[in-house]
Amino acid sequence: MSNHSKDSSSKSEPTFQAPKNLIVPFILLSLRDINCHGYKILQQLMDFGFSTIDQGNLYRMLRQLEKDTLVKSEWDTSEAGPAKRIYSLTEAGEQYLKTCVYSLEHYQSILDQFFSVYTNMFTFPQHSKKKNEDKDKEK
């Protein structure tokens, strides 16, 4: 195990970089009810709380999702200016999203247990004191 030293004067919040595979269900969810272009998907991901998403990486992920037949795209030339690629969820994407939901529910259960144990580690002395008080009342 490595020894981490922390500068006590540094009180900034740690930055969270979500793994790419965590972002995929959010992309698919963004496309579930509406067809939209990449910039709109980026905005929705930021609304979900992903703060460090590189636009180039997002478009690469969208192209990969298209190759995997989870999303499809069409060029929209109806507005003035350059054409925009509009993405939509496919049937396979909908099925994959359901699989993601199942997996995320499982992970949520694991994380709930983790935080329960973590929280109890710091509240244990009070909890122990209450148990002793309850035992004294029973006597």
Protein backbone atom coordinates (compact mmCIF):
# COMPACT_ATOMS: atom_id res chain seq x y z
CA MET A 1 0.00 0.00 0.00
CA SER A 2 1.40 3.39 -0.86
CA ASN A 3 1.86 6.15 1.63
CA HIS A 4 -0.12 9.23 0.66
CA SER A 5 0.84 12.56 2.14
CA LYS A 6 -1.58 15.43 1.94
CA ASP A 7 -0.75 19.11 2.15
CA SER A 8 -2.83 20.42 5.03
CA SER A 9 -3.18 23.81 3.33
CA SER A 10 -4.90 22.17 0.36
CA LYS A 11 -8.61 22.01 1.13
CA SER A 12 -10.00 21.71 -2.38
CA GLU A 13 -12.64 19.12 -3.15
CA PRO A 14 -11.38 16.06 -5.02
CA THR A 15 -12.40 15.97 -8.65
CA PHE A 16 -14.48 13.03 -9.78
CA GLN A 17 -13.76 11.52 -13.16
CA ALA A 18 -16.46 8.97 -13.96
CA PRO A 19 -15.37 5.83 -15.75
CA LYS A 20 -16.48 5.70 -19.38
CA ASN A 21 -18.68 2.68 -18.78
CA LEU A 22 -20.63 4.67 -16.18
CA ILE A 23 -21.37 7.43 -18.67
CA VAL A 24 -22.86 5.06 -21.28
CA PRO A 25 -26.14 4.40 -19.40
CA PHE A 26 -26.58 8.15 -18.95
CA ILE A 27 -26.06 8.74 -22.67
CA LEU A 28 -28.64 6.07 -23.48
CA LEU A 29 -31.03 7.49 -20.89
CA SER A 30 -30.63 10.95 -22.45
CA LEU A 31 -31.75 9.49 -25.78
CA ARG A 32 -34.62 7.43 -24.40
CA ASP A 33 -37.37 9.99 -24.91
CA ILE A 34 -35.86 12.47 -27.36
CA ASN A 35 -33.55 12.46 -30.34
CA CYS A 36 -30.81 15.04 -29.98
CA HIS A 37 -27.40 16.14 -31.13
CA GLY A 38 -24.15 15.60 -29.27
CA TYR A 39 -23.98 19.03 -27.68
CA LYS A 40 -27.43 18.55 -26.12
CA ILE A 41 -26.32 15.14 -24.79
CA LEU A 42 -23.24 16.83 -23.30
CA GLN A 43 -25.46 19.39 -21.56
CA GLN A 44 -27.69 16.63 -20.17
CA LEU A 45 -24.66 14.73 -18.86
CA MET A 46 -23.52 17.88 -17.10
CA ASP A 47 -27.02 18.24 -15.62
CA PHE A 48 -26.64 14.69 -14.27
CA GLY A 49 -23.45 15.82 -12.52
CA PHE A 50 -20.67 14.78 -14.90
CA SER A 51 -18.46 17.85 -14.82
CA THR A 52 -15.36 16.69 -16.70
CA ILE A 53 -16.54 15.37 -20.04
CA ASP A 54 -14.36 16.03 -23.05
CA GLN A 55 -16.52 16.80 -26.08
CA GLY A 56 -14.21 14.81 -28.37
CA ASN A 57 -14.45 11.77 -26.10
CA LEU A 58 -18.23 12.05 -26.08
CA TYR A 59 -18.40 12.01 -29.88
CA ARG A 60 -16.04 9.02 -29.99
CA MET A 61 -18.29 7.23 -27.51
CA LEU A 62 -21.36 8.06 -29.60
CA ARG A 63 -19.67 6.67 -32.72
CA GLN A 64 -18.77 3.50 -30.82
CA LEU A 65 -22.34 3.17 -29.53
CA GLU A 66 -23.50 3.53 -33.12
CA LYS A 67 -21.09 0.78 -34.24
CA ASP A 68 -22.47 -1.38 -31.43
CA THR A 69 -26.00 -0.63 -32.78
CA LEU A 70 -27.11 0.88 -29.46
CA VAL A 71 -27.74 4.27 -31.05
CA LYS A 72 -28.30 5.46 -34.60
CA SER A 73 -27.81 8.85 -36.16
CA GLU A 74 -29.08 10.93 -39.05
CA TRP A 75 -27.95 14.25 -40.43
CA ASP A 76 -30.31 17.15 -39.75
CA THR A 77 -30.07 19.80 -42.45
CA SER A 78 -33.38 21.49 -41.72
CA GLU A 79 -31.87 24.49 -39.92
CA ALA A 80 -29.56 27.17 -41.25
CA GLY A 81 -25.89 26.54 -40.68
CA PRO A 82 -23.94 23.33 -40.69
CA ALA A 83 -25.75 19.99 -40.58
CA LYS A 84 -26.06 18.36 -37.16
CA ARG A 85 -25.93 14.66 -36.45
CA ILE A 86 -29.04 13.71 -34.48
CA TYR A 87 -28.75 10.61 -32.30
CA SER A 88 -31.54 8.29 -31.23
CA LEU A 89 -31.82 5.14 -29.16
CA THR A 90 -32.28 1.83 -30.98
CA GLU A 91 -34.20 -1.22 -29.79
CA ALA A 92 -30.87 -2.83 -28.85
CA GLY A 93 -29.96 0.36 -26.97
CA GLU A 94 -33.21 0.19 -25.02
CA GLN A 95 -32.47 -3.42 -24.05
CA TYR A 96 -28.91 -2.53 -23.06
CA LEU A 97 -30.24 0.37 -20.96
CA LYS A 98 -32.48 -2.09 -19.08
CA THR A 99 -29.43 -4.27 -18.42
CA CYS A 100 -27.58 -1.21 -17.15
CA VAL A 101 -30.46 -0.38 -14.81
CA TYR A 102 -30.30 -3.88 -13.33
CA SER A 103 -26.53 -3.60 -12.86
CA LEU A 104 -26.73 -0.11 -11.37
CA GLU A 105 -29.42 -1.25 -8.92
CA HIS A 106 -27.07 -4.03 -7.82
CA TYR A 107 -24.18 -1.56 -7.43
CA GLN A 108 -26.46 0.79 -5.51
CA SER A 109 -27.22 -2.00 -3.04
CA ILE A 110 -23.50 -2.64 -2.59
CA LEU A 111 -22.81 1.08 -2.15
CA ASP A 112 -25.66 1.41 0.36
CA GLN A 113 -24.02 -1.33 2.42
CA PHE A 114 -20.64 0.36 2.12
CA PHE A 115 -21.96 3.71 3.35
CA SER A 116 -23.91 2.04 6.11
CA VAL A 117 -20.74 0.38 7.41
CA TYR A 118 -18.73 3.56 6.89
CA THR A 119 -21.28 5.68 8.77
CA ASN A 120 -21.55 3.16 11.59
CA MET A 121 -17.78 3.21 12.03
CA PHE A 122 -18.02 6.83 13.10
CA THR A 123 -21.23 6.55 15.12
CA PHE A 124 -20.40 3.28 16.86
CA PRO A 125 -19.39 4.79 20.24
CA GLN A 126 -22.74 6.58 20.56
CA HIS A 127 -24.57 3.47 19.42
CA SER A 128 -22.68 1.38 21.99
CA LYS A 129 -23.46 3.89 24.74
CA LYS A 130 -27.19 3.73 23.86
CA LYS A 131 -27.13 -0.09 24.01
CA ASN A 132 -25.57 0.05 27.47
CA GLU A 133 -28.22 2.55 28.62
CA ASP A 134 -30.96 0.26 27.27
CA LYS A 135 -29.46 -2.70 29.15
CA ASP A 136 -29.35 -0.65 32.37
CA LYS A 137 -33.06 0.21 31.95
CA GLU A 138 -33.94 -3.47 31.57
CA LYS A 139 -32.33 -4.32 34.95
